Amino acid sequence: MLEILTSLNHDSSIYVRKSVGNNLKDLTKYMPEKILNLIEDWLNNKEKLDAKGQQNLVWTIYHALRWLKAKKPEYHEKIKKLVGENYLLYYDEKKNRRALPPQQ
């Protein structure tokens, strides 16, 4: 199943990407380490994608990490390493998706 999700992780259709993200979100409840390692592999291989594919991949990853971000603070360090601190601080699907960190 993870191979299928991997092949669809940067699909041009928002519906496909949302489905991939939702499936991964559900899997993080049972095997968070395995899913975080899979996401790390995706990010390490993202240079093979064009710019739009990379953008789609990142959106899928953000969508997949929602549950871990909200419910499992013990994984916040690994998430921060993978997608950056701004995801933990500012990305919230229910609120402002485009929030930017404050300027210093």
PDB file of N, CA and C in Angstrom:
ATOM      1  N   MET A   1       0.816  -1.179   0.000  1.00  0.00           N
ATOM      2  CA  MET A   1       0.000   0.000   0.000  1.00  0.00           C
ATOM      3  C   MET A   1       0.875   1.263   0.000  1.00  0.00           C
ATOM      4  N   LEU A   2       1.983   1.232   0.736  1.00  0.00           N
ATOM      5  CA  LEU A   2       2.857   2.405   0.786  1.00  0.00           C
ATOM      6  C   LEU A   2       3.467   2.714  -0.577  1.00  0.00           C
ATOM      7  N   GLU A   3       3.678   1.687  -1.396  1.00  0.00           N
ATOM      8  CA  GLU A   3       4.194   1.917  -2.750  1.00  0.00           C
ATOM      9  C   GLU A   3       3.178   2.681  -3.591  1.00  0.00           C
ATOM     10  N   ILE A   4       1.909   2.341  -3.439  1.00  0.00           N
ATOM     11  CA  ILE A   4       0.854   3.044  -4.180  1.00  0.00           C
ATOM     12  C   ILE A   4       0.775   4.488  -3.721  1.00  0.00           C
ATOM     13  N   LEU A   5       0.804   4.699  -2.402  1.00  0.00           N
ATOM     14  CA  LEU A   5       0.764   6.065  -1.880  1.00  0.00           C
ATOM     15  C   LEU A   5       1.979   6.868  -2.336  1.00  0.00           C
ATOM     16  N   THR A   6       3.131   6.219  -2.409  1.00  0.00           N
ATOM     17  CA  THR A   6       4.344   6.893  -2.875  1.00  0.00           C
ATOM     18  C   THR A   6       4.206   7.320  -4.330  1.00  0.00           C
ATOM     19  N   SER A   7       3.610   6.468  -5.145  1.00  0.00           N
ATOM     20  CA  SER A   7       3.474   6.820  -6.564  1.00  0.00           C
ATOM     21  C   SER A   7       2.470   7.955  -6.787  1.00  0.00           C
ATOM     22  N   LEU A   8       1.579   8.178  -5.815  1.00  0.00           N
ATOM     23  CA  LEU A   8       0.542   9.209  -5.957  1.00  0.00           C
ATOM     24  C   LEU A   8       0.802  10.458  -5.115  1.00  0.00           C
ATOM     25  N   ASN A   9       1.915  10.497  -4.391  1.00  0.00           N
ATOM     26  CA  ASN A   9       2.135  11.571  -3.421  1.00  0.00           C
ATOM     27  C   ASN A   9       2.260  12.970  -4.024  1.00  0.00           C
ATOM     28  N   HIS A  10       2.542  13.083  -5.293  1.00  0.00           N
ATOM     29  CA  HIS A  10       2.680  14.408  -5.929  1.00  0.00           C
ATOM     30  C   HIS A  10       1.726  14.562  -7.117  1.00  0.00           C
ATOM     31  N   ASP A  11       0.653  13.813  -7.120  1.00  0.00           N
ATOM     32  CA  ASP A  11      -0.331  13.842  -8.202  1.00  0.00           C
ATOM     33  C   ASP A  11      -0.872  15.261  -8.408  1.00  0.00           C
ATOM     34  N   SER A  12      -1.259  15.563  -9.612  1.00  0.00           N
ATOM     35  CA  SER A  12      -1.762  16.914  -9.910  1.00  0.00           C
ATOM     36  C   SER A  12      -3.161  17.157  -9.344  1.00  0.00           C
ATOM     37  N   SER A  13      -3.896  16.098  -9.044  1.00  0.00           N
ATOM     38  CA  SER A  13      -5.256  16.240  -8.526  1.00  0.00           C
ATOM     39  C   SER A  13      -5.244  16.441  -7.010  1.00  0.00           C
ATOM     40  N   ILE A  14      -5.887  17.496  -6.554  1.00  0.00           N
ATOM     41  CA  ILE A  14      -5.983  17.762  -5.120  1.00  0.00           C
ATOM     42  C   ILE A  14      -6.731  16.634  -4.417  1.00  0.00           C
ATOM     43  N   TYR A  15      -7.680  16.012  -5.078  1.00  0.00           N
ATOM     44  CA  TYR A  15      -8.455  14.931  -4.477  1.00  0.00           C
ATOM     45  C   TYR A  15      -7.582  13.706  -4.215  1.00  0.00           C
ATOM     46  N   VAL A  16      -6.692  13.405  -5.143  1.00  0.00           N
ATOM     47  CA  VAL A  16      -5.780  12.269  -4.968  1.00  0.00           C
ATOM     48  C   VAL A  16      -4.806  12.565  -3.834  1.00  0.00           C
ATOM     49  N   ARG A  17      -4.215  13.768  -3.844  1.00  0.00           N
ATOM     50  CA  ARG A  17      -3.253  14.129  -2.796  1.00  0.00           C
ATOM     51  C   ARG A  17      -3.913  14.153  -1.418  1.00  0.00           C
ATOM     52  N   LYS A  18      -5.130  14.644  -1.360  1.00  0.00           N
ATOM     53  CA  LYS A  18      -5.846  14.679  -0.083  1.00  0.00           C
ATOM     54  C   LYS A  18      -6.088  13.263   0.416  1.00  0.00           C
ATOM     55  N   SER A  19      -6.422  12.354  -0.474  1.00  0.00           N
ATOM     56  CA  SER A  19      -6.637  10.957  -0.103  1.00  0.00           C
ATOM     57  C   SER A  19      -5.338  10.322   0.392  1.00  0.00           C
ATOM     58  N   VAL A  20      -4.239  10.603  -0.296  1.00  0.00           N
ATOM     59  CA  VAL A  20      -2.940  10.085   0.141  1.00  0.00           C
ATOM     60  C   VAL A  20      -2.614  10.626   1.530  1.00  0.00           C
ATOM     61  N   GLY A  21      -2.795  11.925   1.729  1.00  0.00           N
ATOM     62  CA  GLY A  21      -2.521  12.532   3.030  1.00  0.00           C
ATOM     63  C   GLY A  21      -3.393  11.950   4.125  1.00  0.00           C
ATOM     64  N   ASN A  22      -4.670  11.743   3.836  1.00  0.00           N
ATOM     65  CA  ASN A  22      -5.572  11.165   4.833  1.00  0.00           C
ATOM     66  C   ASN A  22      -5.186   9.731   5.178  1.00  0.00           C
ATOM     67  N   ASN A  23      -4.797   8.956   4.176  1.00  0.00           N
ATOM     68  CA  ASN A  23      -4.348   7.589   4.445  1.00  0.00           C
ATOM     69  C   ASN A  23      -3.105   7.585   5.323  1.00  0.00           C
ATOM     70  N   LEU A  24      -2.152   8.455   5.012  1.00  0.00           N
ATOM     71  CA  LEU A  24      -0.935   8.529   5.824  1.00  0.00           C
ATOM     72  C   LEU A  24      -1.247   9.012   7.234  1.00  0.00           C
ATOM     73  N   LYS A  25      -2.157   9.976   7.345  1.00  0.00           N
ATOM     74  CA  LYS A  25      -2.550  10.477   8.670  1.00  0.00           C
ATOM     75  C   LYS A  25      -3.096   9.333   9.514  1.00  0.00           C
ATOM     76  N   ASP A  26      -3.937   8.511   8.916  1.00  0.00           N
ATOM     77  CA  ASP A  26      -4.480   7.367   9.646  1.00  0.00           C
ATOM     78  C   ASP A  26      -3.382   6.376  10.033  1.00  0.00           C
ATOM     79  N   LEU A  27      -2.433   6.158   9.149  1.00  0.00           N
ATOM     80  CA  LEU A  27      -1.345   5.223   9.436  1.00  0.00           C
ATOM     81  C   LEU A  27      -0.403   5.740  10.519  1.00  0.00           C
ATOM     82  N   THR A  28      -0.274   7.074  10.647  1.00  0.00           N
ATOM     83  CA  THR A  28       0.605   7.614  11.693  1.00  0.00           C
ATOM     84  C   THR A  28       0.090   7.276  13.088  1.00  0.00           C
ATOM     85  N   LYS A  29      -1.166   6.948  13.210  1.00  0.00           N
ATOM     86  CA  LYS A  29      -1.720   6.573  14.513  1.00  0.00           C
ATOM     87  C   LYS A  29      -1.188   5.211  14.968  1.00  0.00           C
ATOM     88  N   TYR A  30      -0.816   4.358  14.018  1.00  0.00           N
ATOM     89  CA  TYR A  30      -0.397   3.000  14.337  1.00  0.00           C
ATOM     90  C   TYR A  30       1.091   2.753  14.108  1.00  0.00           C
ATOM     91  N   MET A  31       1.675   3.460  13.183  1.00  0.00           N
ATOM     92  CA  MET A  31       3.088   3.266  12.883  1.00  0.00           C
ATOM     93  C   MET A  31       3.753   4.605  12.546  1.00  0.00           C
ATOM     94  N   PRO A  32       3.828   5.496  13.519  1.00  0.00           N
ATOM     95  CA  PRO A  32       4.354   6.836  13.227  1.00  0.00           C
ATOM     96  C   PRO A  32       5.807   6.849  12.744  1.00  0.00           C
ATOM     97  N   GLU A  33       6.643   6.017  13.323  1.00  0.00           N
ATOM     98  CA  GLU A  33       8.047   5.997  12.906  1.00  0.00           C
ATOM     99  C   GLU A  33       8.191   5.579  11.442  1.00  0.00           C
ATOM    100  N   LYS A  34       7.466   4.564  11.058  1.00  0.00           N
ATOM    101  CA  LYS A  34       7.541   4.073   9.672  1.00  0.00           C
ATOM    102  C   LYS A  34       7.072   5.146   8.690  1.00  0.00           C
ATOM    103  N   ILE A  35       6.001   5.854   9.022  1.00  0.00           N
ATOM    104  CA  ILE A  35       5.485   6.890   8.129  1.00  0.00           C
ATOM    105  C   ILE A  35       6.441   8.078   8.087  1.00  0.00           C
ATOM    106  N   LEU A  36       7.016   8.455   9.220  1.00  0.00           N
ATOM    107  CA  LEU A  36       7.995   9.550   9.215  1.00  0.00           C
ATOM    108  C   LEU A  36       9.229   9.186   8.402  1.00  0.00           C
ATOM    109  N   ASN A  37       9.650   7.929   8.470  1.00  0.00           N
ATOM    110  CA  ASN A  37      10.779   7.482   7.645  1.00  0.00           C
ATOM    111  C   ASN A  37      10.414   7.503   6.161  1.00  0.00           C
ATOM    112  N   LEU A  38       9.183   7.123   5.834  1.00  0.00           N
ATOM    113  CA  LEU A  38       8.721   7.181   4.446  1.00  0.00           C
ATOM    114  C   LEU A  38       8.729   8.626   3.944  1.00  0.00           C
ATOM    115  N   ILE A  39       8.223   9.537   4.751  1.00  0.00           N
ATOM    116  CA  ILE A  39       8.206  10.953   4.370  1.00  0.00           C
ATOM    117  C   ILE A  39       9.625  11.477   4.204  1.00  0.00           C
ATOM    118  N   GLU A  40      10.530  11.047   5.056  1.00  0.00           N
ATOM    119  CA  GLU A  40      11.929  11.447   4.922  1.00  0.00           C
ATOM    120  C   GLU A  40      12.510  10.971   3.596  1.00  0.00           C
ATOM    121  N   ASP A  41      12.187   9.752   3.201  1.00  0.00           N
ATOM    122  CA  ASP A  41      12.631   9.237   1.897  1.00  0.00           C
ATOM    123  C   ASP A  41      12.057  10.078   0.757  1.00  0.00           C
ATOM    124  N   TRP A  42      10.767  10.433   0.858  1.00  0.00           N
ATOM    125  CA  TRP A  42      10.152  11.269  -0.170  1.00  0.00           C
ATOM    126  C   TRP A  42      10.888  12.595  -0.292  1.00  0.00           C
ATOM    127  N   LEU A  43      11.188  13.202   0.837  1.00  0.00           N
ATOM    128  CA  LEU A  43      11.860  14.505   0.805  1.00  0.00           C
ATOM    129  C   LEU A  43      13.279  14.390   0.272  1.00  0.00           C
ATOM    130  N   ASN A  44      13.959  13.282   0.555  1.00  0.00           N
ATOM    131  CA  ASN A  44      15.312  13.087   0.043  1.00  0.00           C
ATOM    132  C   ASN A  44      15.329  12.885  -1.471  1.00  0.00           C
ATOM    133  N   ASN A  45      14.212  12.444  -2.041  1.00  0.00           N
ATOM    134  CA  ASN A  45      14.135  12.183  -3.479  1.00  0.00           C
ATOM    135  C   ASN A  45      13.313  13.218  -4.235  1.00  0.00           C
ATOM    136  N   LYS A  46      12.967  14.315  -3.606  1.00  0.00           N
ATOM    137  CA  LYS A  46      12.083  15.290  -4.251  1.00  0.00           C
ATOM    138  C   LYS A  46      12.747  16.013  -5.416  1.00  0.00           C
ATOM    139  N   GLU A  47      14.075  16.001  -5.508  1.00  0.00           N
ATOM    140  CA  GLU A  47      14.760  16.675  -6.626  1.00  0.00           C
ATOM    141  C   GLU A  47      14.424  16.046  -7.966  1.00  0.00           C
ATOM    142  N   LYS A  48      13.923  14.819  -7.963  1.00  0.00           N
ATOM    143  CA  LYS A  48      13.541  14.153  -9.203  1.00  0.00           C
ATOM    144  C   LYS A  48      12.248  14.723  -9.783  1.00  0.00           C
ATOM    145  N   LEU A  49      11.522  15.510  -8.974  1.00  0.00           N
ATOM    146  CA  LEU A  49      10.246  16.084  -9.403  1.00  0.00           C
ATOM    147  C   LEU A  49      10.456  17.499  -9.938  1.00  0.00           C
ATOM    148  N   ASP A  50       9.529  17.939 -10.778  1.00  0.00           N
ATOM    149  CA  ASP A  50       9.570  19.338 -11.210  1.00  0.00           C
ATOM    150  C   ASP A  50       9.068  20.219 -10.069  1.00  0.00           C
ATOM    151  N   ALA A  51       9.082  21.533 -10.269  1.00  0.00           N
ATOM    152  CA  ALA A  51       8.722  22.476  -9.207  1.00  0.00           C
ATOM    153  C   ALA A  51       7.290  22.258  -8.714  1.00  0.00           C
ATOM    154  N   LYS A  52       6.356  22.045  -9.624  1.00  0.00           N
ATOM    155  CA  LYS A  52       4.959  21.825  -9.237  1.00  0.00           C
ATOM    156  C   LYS A  52       4.806  20.504  -8.486  1.00  0.00           C
ATOM    157  N   GLY A  53       5.516  19.484  -8.925  1.00  0.00           N
ATOM    158  CA  GLY A  53       5.484  18.200  -8.232  1.00  0.00           C
ATOM    159  C   GLY A  53       6.022  18.306  -6.815  1.00  0.00           C
ATOM    160  N   GLN A  54       7.085  19.095  -6.642  1.00  0.00           N
ATOM    161  CA  GLN A  54       7.636  19.311  -5.299  1.00  0.00           C
ATOM    162  C   GLN A  54       6.636  20.040  -4.416  1.00  0.00           C
ATOM    163  N   GLN A  55       5.975  21.036  -4.970  1.00  0.00           N
ATOM    164  CA  GLN A  55       4.963  21.783  -4.219  1.00  0.00           C
ATOM    165  C   GLN A  55       3.807  20.849  -3.820  1.00  0.00           C
ATOM    166  N   ASN A  56       3.375  20.010  -4.738  1.00  0.00           N
ATOM    167  CA  ASN A  56       2.309  19.050  -4.440  1.00  0.00           C
ATOM    168  C   ASN A  56       2.737  18.058  -3.363  1.00  0.00           C
ATOM    169  N   LEU A  57       3.981  17.606  -3.438  1.00  0.00           N
ATOM    170  CA  LEU A  57       4.502  16.672  -2.446  1.00  0.00           C
ATOM    171  C   LEU A  57       4.487  17.295  -1.055  1.00  0.00           C
ATOM    172  N   VAL A  58       4.955  18.520  -0.951  1.00  0.00           N
ATOM    173  CA  VAL A  58       4.986  19.195   0.349  1.00  0.00           C
ATOM    174  C   VAL A  58       3.572  19.358   0.897  1.00  0.00           C
ATOM    175  N   TRP A  59       2.620  19.703   0.043  1.00  0.00           N
ATOM    176  CA  TRP A  59       1.234  19.831   0.496  1.00  0.00           C
ATOM    177  C   TRP A  59       0.733  18.497   1.059  1.00  0.00           C
ATOM    178  N   THR A  60       1.031  17.405   0.358  1.00  0.00           N
ATOM    179  CA  THR A  60       0.611  16.075   0.804  1.00  0.00           C
ATOM    180  C   THR A  60       1.228  15.745   2.162  1.00  0.00           C
ATOM    181  N   ILE A  61       2.495  16.074   2.329  1.00  0.00           N
ATOM    182  CA  ILE A  61       3.182  15.799   3.596  1.00  0.00           C
ATOM    183  C   ILE A  61       2.558  16.607   4.726  1.00  0.00           C
ATOM    184  N   TYR A  62       2.312  17.884   4.486  1.00  0.00           N
ATOM    185  CA  TYR A  62       1.668  18.709   5.511  1.00  0.00           C
ATOM    186  C   TYR A  62       0.315  18.119   5.902  1.00  0.00           C
ATOM    187  N   HIS A  63      -0.419  17.673   4.913  1.00  0.00           N
ATOM    188  CA  HIS A  63      -1.737  17.098   5.167  1.00  0.00           C
ATOM    189  C   HIS A  63      -1.610  15.800   5.979  1.00  0.00           C
ATOM    190  N   ALA A  64      -0.584  15.032   5.702  1.00  0.00           N
ATOM    191  CA  ALA A  64      -0.394  13.752   6.388  1.00  0.00           C
ATOM    192  C   ALA A  64       0.050  13.921   7.839  1.00  0.00           C
ATOM    193  N   LEU A  65       0.750  14.993   8.147  1.00  0.00           N
ATOM    194  CA  LEU A  65       1.319  15.165   9.482  1.00  0.00           C
ATOM    195  C   LEU A  65       0.383  15.852  10.469  1.00  0.00           C
ATOM    196  N   ARG A  66      -0.831  16.166  10.057  1.00  0.00           N
ATOM    197  CA  ARG A  66      -1.758  16.902  10.930  1.00  0.00           C
ATOM    198  C   ARG A  66      -1.970  16.229  12.275  1.00  0.00           C
ATOM    199  N   TRP A  67      -2.231  14.940  12.266  1.00  0.00           N
ATOM    200  CA  TRP A  67      -2.553  14.248  13.512  1.00  0.00           C
ATOM    201  C   TRP A  67      -1.343  14.195  14.434  1.00  0.00           C
ATOM    202  N   LEU A  68      -0.170  13.874  13.884  1.00  0.00           N
ATOM    203  CA  LEU A  68       1.037  13.840  14.717  1.00  0.00           C
ATOM    204  C   LEU A  68       1.320  15.208  15.320  1.00  0.00           C
ATOM    205  N   LYS A  69       1.128  16.246  14.534  1.00  0.00           N
ATOM    206  CA  LYS A  69       1.364  17.603  15.022  1.00  0.00           C
ATOM    207  C   LYS A  69       0.434  17.919  16.177  1.00  0.00           C
ATOM    208  N   ALA A  70      -0.804  17.551  16.068  1.00  0.00           N
ATOM    209  CA  ALA A  70      -1.805  17.909  17.067  1.00  0.00           C
ATOM    210  C   ALA A  70      -1.774  17.014  18.303  1.00  0.00           C
ATOM    211  N   LYS A  71      -1.487  15.744  18.142  1.00  0.00           N
ATOM    212  CA  LYS A  71      -1.686  14.790  19.235  1.00  0.00           C
ATOM    213  C   LYS A  71      -0.424  14.175  19.825  1.00  0.00           C
ATOM    214  N   LYS A  72       0.693  14.261  19.137  1.00  0.00           N
ATOM    215  CA  LYS A  72       1.896  13.558  19.582  1.00  0.00           C
ATOM    216  C   LYS A  72       3.106  14.492  19.647  1.00  0.00           C
ATOM    217  N   PRO A  73       3.225  15.268  20.713  1.00  0.00           N
ATOM    218  CA  PRO A  73       4.355  16.205  20.803  1.00  0.00           C
ATOM    219  C   PRO A  73       5.723  15.516  20.836  1.00  0.00           C
ATOM    220  N   GLU A  74       5.765  14.239  21.174  1.00  0.00           N
ATOM    221  CA  GLU A  74       7.053  13.544  21.191  1.00  0.00           C
ATOM    222  C   GLU A  74       7.657  13.412  19.791  1.00  0.00           C
ATOM    223  N   TYR A  75       6.862  13.615  18.757  1.00  0.00           N
ATOM    224  CA  TYR A  75       7.373  13.552  17.382  1.00  0.00           C
ATOM    225  C   TYR A  75       7.659  14.928  16.793  1.00  0.00           C
ATOM    226  N   HIS A  76       7.460  15.969  17.566  1.00  0.00           N
ATOM    227  CA  HIS A  76       7.658  17.320  17.042  1.00  0.00           C
ATOM    228  C   HIS A  76       9.098  17.571  16.589  1.00  0.00           C
ATOM    229  N   GLU A  77      10.071  17.029  17.282  1.00  0.00           N
ATOM    230  CA  GLU A  77      11.473  17.220  16.869  1.00  0.00           C
ATOM    231  C   GLU A  77      11.732  16.604  15.496  1.00  0.00           C
ATOM    232  N   LYS A  78      11.232  15.405  15.292  1.00  0.00           N
ATOM    233  CA  LYS A  78      11.420  14.739  13.994  1.00  0.00           C
ATOM    234  C   LYS A  78      10.677  15.499  12.894  1.00  0.00           C
ATOM    235  N   ILE A  79       9.457  15.969  13.194  1.00  0.00           N
ATOM    236  CA  ILE A  79       8.699  16.747  12.210  1.00  0.00           C
ATOM    237  C   ILE A  79       9.436  18.036  11.888  1.00  0.00           C
ATOM    238  N   LYS A  80       9.964  18.690  12.916  1.00  0.00           N
ATOM    239  CA  LYS A  80      10.712  19.939  12.704  1.00  0.00           C
ATOM    240  C   LYS A  80      11.926  19.689  11.809  1.00  0.00           C
ATOM    241  N   LYS A  81      12.597  18.569  12.019  1.00  0.00           N
ATOM    242  CA  LYS A  81      13.759  18.218  11.194  1.00  0.00           C
ATOM    243  C   LYS A  81      13.342  17.993   9.733  1.00  0.00           C
ATOM    244  N   LEU A  82      12.188  17.374   9.534  1.00  0.00           N
ATOM    245  CA  LEU A  82      11.742  17.056   8.179  1.00  0.00           C
ATOM    246  C   LEU A  82      11.202  18.266   7.424  1.00  0.00           C
ATOM    247  N   VAL A  83      10.279  19.008   8.033  1.00  0.00           N
ATOM    248  CA  VAL A  83       9.593  20.062   7.286  1.00  0.00           C
ATOM    249  C   VAL A  83       9.789  21.457   7.869  1.00  0.00           C
ATOM    250  N   GLY A  84      10.541  21.566   8.930  1.00  0.00           N
ATOM    251  CA  GLY A  84      10.856  22.880   9.465  1.00  0.00           C
ATOM    252  C   GLY A  84       9.977  23.290  10.634  1.00  0.00           C
ATOM    253  N   GLU A  85      10.500  24.195  11.399  1.00  0.00           N
ATOM    254  CA  GLU A  85       9.814  24.670  12.600  1.00  0.00           C
ATOM    255  C   GLU A  85       8.546  25.435  12.259  1.00  0.00           C
ATOM    256  N   ASN A  86       8.530  26.110  11.119  1.00  0.00           N
ATOM    257  CA  ASN A  86       7.349  26.902  10.764  1.00  0.00           C
ATOM    258  C   ASN A  86       6.104  26.055  10.619  1.00  0.00           C
ATOM    259  N   TYR A  87       6.270  24.799  10.222  1.00  0.00           N
ATOM    260  CA  TYR A  87       5.100  23.919  10.139  1.00  0.00           C
ATOM    261  C   TYR A  87       4.467  23.755  11.516  1.00  0.00           C
ATOM    262  N   LEU A  88       5.299  23.508  12.504  1.00  0.00           N
ATOM    263  CA  LEU A  88       4.778  23.319  13.854  1.00  0.00           C
ATOM    264  C   LEU A  88       4.177  24.604  14.402  1.00  0.00           C
ATOM    265  N   LEU A  89       4.754  25.732  14.053  1.00  0.00           N
ATOM    266  CA  LEU A  89       4.305  26.996  14.631  1.00  0.00           C
ATOM    267  C   LEU A  89       3.116  27.605  13.903  1.00  0.00           C
ATOM    268  N   TYR A  90       3.096  27.510  12.586  1.00  0.00           N
ATOM    269  CA  TYR A  90       2.169  28.332  11.819  1.00  0.00           C
ATOM    270  C   TYR A  90       1.206  27.581  10.925  1.00  0.00           C
ATOM    271  N   TYR A  91       1.457  26.335  10.588  1.00  0.00           N
ATOM    272  CA  TYR A  91       0.556  25.632   9.685  1.00  0.00           C
ATOM    273  C   TYR A  91      -0.570  25.018  10.494  1.00  0.00           C
ATOM    274  N   ASP A  92      -1.780  25.420  10.204  1.00  0.00           N
ATOM    275  CA  ASP A  92      -2.948  24.833  10.837  1.00  0.00           C
ATOM    276  C   ASP A  92      -4.057  24.829   9.803  1.00  0.00           C
ATOM    277  N   GLU A  93      -4.473  23.660   9.397  1.00  0.00           N
ATOM    278  CA  GLU A  93      -5.441  23.540   8.318  1.00  0.00           C
ATOM    279  C   GLU A  93      -6.750  24.264   8.625  1.00  0.00           C
ATOM    280  N   LYS A  94      -7.144  24.291   9.878  1.00  0.00           N
ATOM    281  CA  LYS A  94      -8.418  24.905  10.235  1.00  0.00           C
ATOM    282  C   LYS A  94      -8.330  26.430  10.295  1.00  0.00           C
ATOM    283  N   LYS A  95      -7.125  26.941  10.376  1.00  0.00           N
ATOM    284  CA  LYS A  95      -6.942  28.387  10.498  1.00  0.00           C
ATOM    285  C   LYS A  95      -6.292  28.919   9.228  1.00  0.00           C
ATOM    286  N   ASN A  96      -5.355  29.787   9.380  1.00  0.00           N
ATOM    287  CA  ASN A  96      -4.730  30.440   8.242  1.00  0.00           C
ATOM    288  C   ASN A  96      -3.603  29.585   7.675  1.00  0.00           C
ATOM    289  N   ARG A  97      -3.817  28.990   6.515  1.00  0.00           N
ATOM    290  CA  ARG A  97      -2.801  28.135   5.897  1.00  0.00           C
ATOM    291  C   ARG A  97      -1.577  28.916   5.435  1.00  0.00           C
ATOM    292  N   ARG A  98      -1.740  30.179   5.184  1.00  0.00           N
ATOM    293  CA  ARG A  98      -0.644  30.961   4.623  1.00  0.00           C
ATOM    294  C   ARG A  98       0.005  31.884   5.650  1.00  0.00           C
ATOM    295  N   ALA A  99      -0.183  31.594   6.913  1.00  0.00           N
ATOM    296  CA  ALA A  99       0.392  32.438   7.945  1.00  0.00           C
ATOM    297  C   ALA A  99       1.917  32.423   7.842  1.00  0.00           C
ATOM    298  N   LEU A 100       2.504  33.557   8.032  1.00  0.00           N
ATOM    299  CA  LEU A 100       3.949  33.688   7.982  1.00  0.00           C
ATOM    300  C   LEU A 100       4.483  33.980   9.375  1.00  0.00           C
ATOM    301  N   PRO A 101       5.720  33.567   9.649  1.00  0.00           N
ATOM    302  CA  PRO A 101       6.278  33.879  10.949  1.00  0.00           C
ATOM    303  C   PRO A 101       6.449  35.399  11.109  1.00  0.00           C
ATOM    304  N   PRO A 102       6.401  35.905  12.328  1.00  0.00           N
ATOM    305  CA  PRO A 102       6.597  37.335  12.530  1.00  0.00           C
ATOM    306  C   PRO A 102       7.983  37.778  12.086  1.00  0.00           C
ATOM    307  N   GLN A 103       8.073  38.960  11.528  1.00  0.00           N
ATOM    308  CA  GLN A 103       9.363  39.515  11.096  1.00  0.00           C
ATOM    309  C   GLN A 103      10.117  40.040  12.316  1.00  0.00           C
ATOM    310  N   GLN A 104      11.393  39.741  12.371  1.00  0.00           N
ATOM    311  CA  GLN A 104      12.184  40.189  13.528  1.00  0.00           C
ATOM    312  C   GLN A 104      13.090  41.322  13.155  1.00  0.00           C
TER     313      GLN A 104
END
